[in-house]
C-alpha atoms as a PDB file:
ATOM      1  CA  MET A   1     -64.906 140.089  99.200  1.00  0.00           C
ATOM      2  CA  LYS A   2     -61.470 141.612  98.802  1.00  0.00           C
ATOM      3  CA  TYR A   3     -59.647 137.835  99.148  1.00  0.00           C
ATOM      4  CA  TYR A   4     -61.688 136.376  96.341  1.00  0.00           C
ATOM      5  CA  SER A   5     -60.526 139.633  94.219  1.00  0.00           C
ATOM      6  CA  ASN A   6     -56.660 139.098  95.361  1.00  0.00           C
ATOM      7  CA  SER A   7     -56.804 135.324  94.897  1.00  0.00           C
ATOM      8  CA  MET A   8     -58.387 135.836  91.429  1.00  0.00           C
ATOM      9  CA  LEU A   9     -55.640 138.355  90.299  1.00  0.00           C
ATOM     10  CA  ILE A  10     -52.966 135.746  91.438  1.00  0.00           C
ATOM     11  CA  VAL A  11     -53.819 133.132  89.463  1.00  0.00           C
ATOM     12  CA  ILE A  12     -54.667 134.848  86.170  1.00  0.00           C
ATOM     13  CA  THR A  13     -51.398 136.148  86.804  1.00  0.00           C
ATOM     14  CA  PHE A  14     -49.738 132.921  87.598  1.00  0.00           C
ATOM     15  CA  LEU A  15     -51.735 131.819  83.991  1.00  0.00           C
ATOM     16  CA  PHE A  16     -50.152 134.432  82.426  1.00  0.00           C
ATOM     17  CA  SER A  17     -47.459 133.741  82.880  1.00  0.00           C
ATOM     18  CA  PHE A  18     -47.095 130.193  82.883  1.00  0.00           C
ATOM     19  CA  ASN A  19     -48.676 130.825  79.541  1.00  0.00           C
ATOM     20  CA  SER A  20     -45.562 132.677  78.444  1.00  0.00           C
ATOM     21  CA  CYS A  21     -43.162 130.681  79.298  1.00  0.00           C
ATOM     22  CA  ARG A  22     -45.010 127.694  77.463  1.00  0.00           C
ATOM     23  CA  VAL A  23     -45.426 130.039  74.649  1.00  0.00           C
ATOM     24  CA  SER A  24     -40.934 130.664  74.950  1.00  0.00           C
ATOM     25  CA  VAL A  25     -40.347 126.540  74.843  1.00  0.00           C
ATOM     26  CA  LYS A  26     -42.054 126.538  72.090  1.00  0.00           C
ATOM     27  CA  SER A  27     -40.557 129.362  70.253  1.00  0.00           C
ATOM     28  CA  GLU A  28     -37.286 127.304  71.117  1.00  0.00           C
ATOM     29  CA  GLU A  29     -38.118 124.429  70.080  1.00  0.00           C
ATOM     30  CA  ASN A  30     -39.344 125.376  66.719  1.00  0.00           C
ATOM     31  CA  ARG A  31     -36.053 127.713  66.612  1.00  0.00           C
ATOM     32  CA  LYS A  32     -33.424 124.102  67.256  1.00  0.00           C
ATOM     33  CA  LEU A  33     -35.804 122.539  64.851  1.00  0.00           C
ATOM     34  CA  LEU A  34     -35.097 124.468  62.082  1.00  0.00           C
ATOM     35  CA  MET A  35     -32.055 125.005  62.693  1.00  0.00           C
ATOM     36  CA  GLU A  36     -32.144 121.310  62.324  1.00  0.00           C
ATOM     37  CA  THR A  37     -34.112 120.946  59.357  1.00  0.00           C
ATOM     38  CA  ASP A  38     -31.053 124.128  57.533  1.00  0.00           C
ATOM     39  CA  MET A  39     -28.645 121.602  59.087  1.00  0.00           C
ATOM     40  CA  ALA A  40     -29.890 118.699  57.442  1.00  0.00           C
ATOM     41  CA  PHE A  41     -30.863 120.185  54.402  1.00  0.00           C
ATOM     42  CA  SER A  42     -27.177 120.818  54.290  1.00  0.00           C
ATOM     43  CA  ASP A  43     -26.204 116.886  55.006  1.00  0.00           C
ATOM     44  CA  TYR A  44     -29.012 116.045  52.235  1.00  0.00           C
ATOM     45  CA  LEU A  45     -27.005 117.945  49.167  1.00  0.00           C
ATOM     46  CA  GLU A  46     -23.952 114.477  49.609  1.00  0.00           C
ATOM     47  CA  ASN A  47     -27.159 112.758  47.532  1.00  0.00           C
ATOM     48  CA  GLY A  48     -26.290 116.089  44.900  1.00  0.00           C
ATOM     49  CA  MET A  49     -26.851 119.700  44.826  1.00  0.00           C
ATOM     50  CA  ASN A  50     -30.352 118.546  42.662  1.00  0.00           C
ATOM     51  CA  LYS A  51     -32.062 117.093  44.836  1.00  0.00           C
ATOM     52  CA  ALA A  52     -31.586 118.979  48.275  1.00  0.00           C
ATOM     53  CA  PHE A  53     -33.171 121.826  46.391  1.00  0.00           C
ATOM     54  CA  TYR A  54     -35.702 120.069  44.954  1.00  0.00           C
ATOM     55  CA  LYS A  55     -35.975 118.177  48.550  1.00  0.00           C
ATOM     56  CA  TYR A  56     -36.713 121.335  50.839  1.00  0.00           C
ATOM     57  CA  ALA A  57     -37.776 123.684  48.491  1.00  0.00           C
ATOM     58  CA  ALA A  58     -41.649 124.883  49.121  1.00  0.00           C
ATOM     59  CA  GLU A  59     -44.051 123.965  46.095  1.00  0.00           C
ATOM     60  CA  LYS A  60     -44.124 128.682  45.183  1.00  0.00           C
ATOM     61  CA  ALA A  61     -40.117 128.472  46.182  1.00  0.00           C
ATOM     62  CA  VAL A  62     -38.512 131.425  45.720  1.00  0.00           C
ATOM     63  CA  MET A  63     -34.187 131.842  45.410  1.00  0.00           C
ATOM     64  CA  LEU A  64     -32.508 134.785  43.965  1.00  0.00           C
ATOM     65  CA  LYS A  65     -29.426 134.626  42.299  1.00  0.00           C
ATOM     66  CA  ASP A  66     -26.831 137.188  41.804  1.00  0.00           C
ATOM     67  CA  ASN A  67     -27.609 138.405  37.588  1.00  0.00           C
ATOM     68  CA  SER A  68     -30.628 136.693  37.233  1.00  0.00           C
ATOM     69  CA  SER A  69     -34.594 136.986  37.451  1.00  0.00           C
ATOM     70  CA  PRO A  70     -35.882 135.153  40.381  1.00  0.00           C
ATOM     71  CA  LEU A  71     -36.496 131.870  40.427  1.00  0.00           C
ATOM     72  CA  ILE A  72     -39.872 130.781  40.889  1.00  0.00           C
ATOM     73  CA  GLY A  73     -41.227 127.905  41.101  1.00  0.00           C
ATOM     74  CA  LYS A  74     -39.810 123.617  42.907  1.00  0.00           C
ATOM     75  CA  GLU A  75     -40.488 122.895  39.053  1.00  0.00           C
ATOM     76  CA  ASN A  76     -38.288 125.505  38.039  1.00  0.00           C
ATOM     77  CA  ILE A  77     -35.122 125.818  40.656  1.00  0.00           C
ATOM     78  CA  LYS A  78     -35.318 121.229  39.044  1.00  0.00           C
ATOM     79  CA  LYS A  79     -35.216 122.985  35.540  1.00  0.00           C
ATOM     80  CA  GLN A  80     -32.177 125.523  36.888  1.00  0.00           C
ATOM     81  CA  PHE A  81     -29.864 122.651  39.092  1.00  0.00           C
ATOM     82  CA  SER A  82     -30.845 119.961  36.232  1.00  0.00           C
ATOM     83  CA  GLY A  83     -26.764 119.703  35.194  1.00  0.00           C
ATOM     84  CA  ASP A  84     -24.186 117.792  36.275  1.00  0.00           C
ATOM     85  CA  ASP A  85     -23.457 118.237  40.040  1.00  0.00           C
ATOM     86  CA  THR A  86     -20.335 115.211  40.799  1.00  0.00           C
ATOM     87  CA  GLN A  87     -17.925 117.565  40.636  1.00  0.00           C
ATOM     88  CA  ILE A  88     -19.438 120.033  43.541  1.00  0.00           C
ATOM     89  CA  THR A  89     -19.164 120.445  46.973  1.00  0.00           C
ATOM     90  CA  PHE A  90     -21.453 122.678  48.411  1.00  0.00           C
ATOM     91  CA  THR A  91     -22.087 122.869  52.517  1.00  0.00           C
ATOM     92  CA  TRP A  92     -23.669 125.867  54.465  1.00  0.00           C
ATOM     93  CA  CYS A  93     -23.447 125.973  58.198  1.00  0.00           C
ATOM     94  CA  PRO A  94     -26.847 128.586  59.740  1.00  0.00           C
ATOM     95  CA  LEU A  95     -25.045 130.751  61.896  1.00  0.00           C
ATOM     96  CA  ASP A  96     -29.195 131.170  63.703  1.00  0.00           C
ATOM     97  CA  ALA A  97     -32.990 130.963  63.228  1.00  0.00           C
ATOM     98  CA  ASP A  98     -35.633 132.461  64.516  1.00  0.00           C
ATOM     99  CA  VAL A  99     -39.386 131.677  63.736  1.00  0.00           C
ATOM    100  CA  SER A 100     -42.614 133.602  64.758  1.00  0.00           C
ATOM    101  CA  LYS A 101     -44.831 133.017  67.431  1.00  0.00           C
ATOM    102  CA  SER A 102     -47.367 131.023  65.724  1.00  0.00           C
ATOM    103  CA  GLY A 103     -43.910 128.724  65.124  1.00  0.00           C
ATOM    104  CA  GLU A 104     -45.247 128.378  60.577  1.00  0.00           C
ATOM    105  CA  LEU A 105     -42.764 131.153  59.235  1.00  0.00           C
ATOM    106  CA  GLY A 106     -38.768 131.533  59.885  1.00  0.00           C
ATOM    107  CA  TYR A 107     -35.849 132.022  58.863  1.00  0.00           C
ATOM    108  CA  THR A 108     -32.253 130.678  59.278  1.00  0.00           C
ATOM    109  CA  TYR A 109     -28.667 132.525  58.330  1.00  0.00           C
ATOM    110  CA  GLY A 110     -25.635 131.670  58.468  1.00  0.00           C
ATOM    111  CA  THR A 111     -22.604 131.050  55.953  1.00  0.00           C
ATOM    112  CA  TYR A 112     -21.247 128.730  53.037  1.00  0.00           C
ATOM    113  CA  SER A 113     -18.089 126.943  50.890  1.00  0.00           C
ATOM    114  CA  PHE A 114     -18.982 126.173  47.364  1.00  0.00           C
ATOM    115  CA  GLN A 115     -16.485 124.381  45.585  1.00  0.00           C
ATOM    116  CA  THR A 116     -16.267 123.207  42.319  1.00  0.00           C
ATOM    117  CA  VAL A 117     -12.584 121.365  40.014  1.00  0.00           C
ATOM    118  CA  ASP A 118     -11.369 125.176  39.433  1.00  0.00           C
ATOM    119  CA  SER A 119     -13.086 127.472  42.261  1.00  0.00           C
ATOM    120  CA  LEU A 120     -13.829 127.779  45.099  1.00  0.00           C
ATOM    121  CA  TYR A 121     -16.664 130.484  46.281  1.00  0.00           C
ATOM    122  CA  GLN A 122     -17.494 131.580  50.257  1.00  0.00           C
ATOM    123  CA  GLY A 123     -20.355 133.531  51.599  1.00  0.00           C
ATOM    124  CA  THR A 124     -23.065 133.390  53.402  1.00  0.00           C
ATOM    125  CA  TYR A 125     -26.997 133.104  52.715  1.00  0.00           C
ATOM    126  CA  VAL A 126     -30.195 132.929  53.218  1.00  0.00           C
ATOM    127  CA  SER A 127     -32.970 131.673  53.833  1.00  0.00           C
ATOM    128  CA  VAL A 128     -36.891 131.580  54.922  1.00  0.00           C
ATOM    129  CA  TRP A 129     -39.029 128.624  55.393  1.00  0.00           C
ATOM    130  CA  LYS A 130     -42.770 127.945  55.686  1.00  0.00           C
ATOM    131  CA  LYS A 131     -44.435 124.833  56.807  1.00  0.00           C
ATOM    132  CA  ASP A 132     -45.707 123.193  55.385  1.00  0.00           C
ATOM    133  CA  GLU A 133     -49.364 120.362  55.107  1.00  0.00           C
ATOM    134  CA  ASN A 134     -47.521 117.981  56.894  1.00  0.00           C
ATOM    135  CA  ASN A 135     -45.966 120.355  59.273  1.00  0.00           C
ATOM    136  CA  ASP A 136     -42.875 119.938  58.059  1.00  0.00           C
ATOM    137  CA  TRP A 137     -40.758 123.451  57.145  1.00  0.00           C
ATOM    138  CA  LYS A 138     -39.615 124.283  53.313  1.00  0.00           C
ATOM    139  CA  TYR A 139     -37.400 126.956  51.553  1.00  0.00           C
ATOM    140  CA  VAL A 140     -39.979 129.478  49.984  1.00  0.00           C
ATOM    141  CA  LEU A 141     -36.889 132.236  49.842  1.00  0.00           C
ATOM    142  CA  ASP A 142     -33.671 131.210  49.786  1.00  0.00           C
ATOM    143  CA  SER A 143     -30.757 134.018  48.738  1.00  0.00           C
ATOM    144  CA  GLY A 144     -27.318 133.997  49.356  1.00  0.00           C
ATOM    145  CA  ASN A 145     -23.725 136.366  48.481  1.00  0.00           C
ATOM    146  CA  GLN A 146     -20.100 135.969  47.778  1.00  0.00           C
ATOM    147  CA  GLY A 147     -17.785 137.145  48.937  1.00  0.00           C
ATOM    148  CA  LEU A 148     -16.699 135.573  52.986  1.00  0.00           C
ATOM    149  CA  ARG A 149     -13.893 137.260  54.450  1.00  0.00           C
ATOM    150  CA  LYS A 150     -10.969 135.481  56.554  1.00  0.00           C
END
């Protein structure tokens, strides 16, 4: 009986170890996918800032901007970015990401560069992401700040 108990203990330990490795591998896959999504969001800016911020927003997305109240909802974000953005160059680079164990919620952060005809702004940002019903990452909270030093 002792042999059976020891064998069963080894099998259970192996199963728990295997399962934790699977979670770790899945978490890393989710993290990489989220980083790729954030980079694709930045790349999509070539189609215009208006289109990009609308495309990647969740229905109830919130944007926090300097000197203004929170901007709430995808349609309000669309209105905010409805102006002419043809003279603007906006890019960012995600530095890192993390994803919850469930794989449904995550965040990215990085640096950005925003250039108009006569000004250049650089700073840092953070975006909180959630998977939608189609299993696509959409940002639910986006915020940045100016003042990146060289």
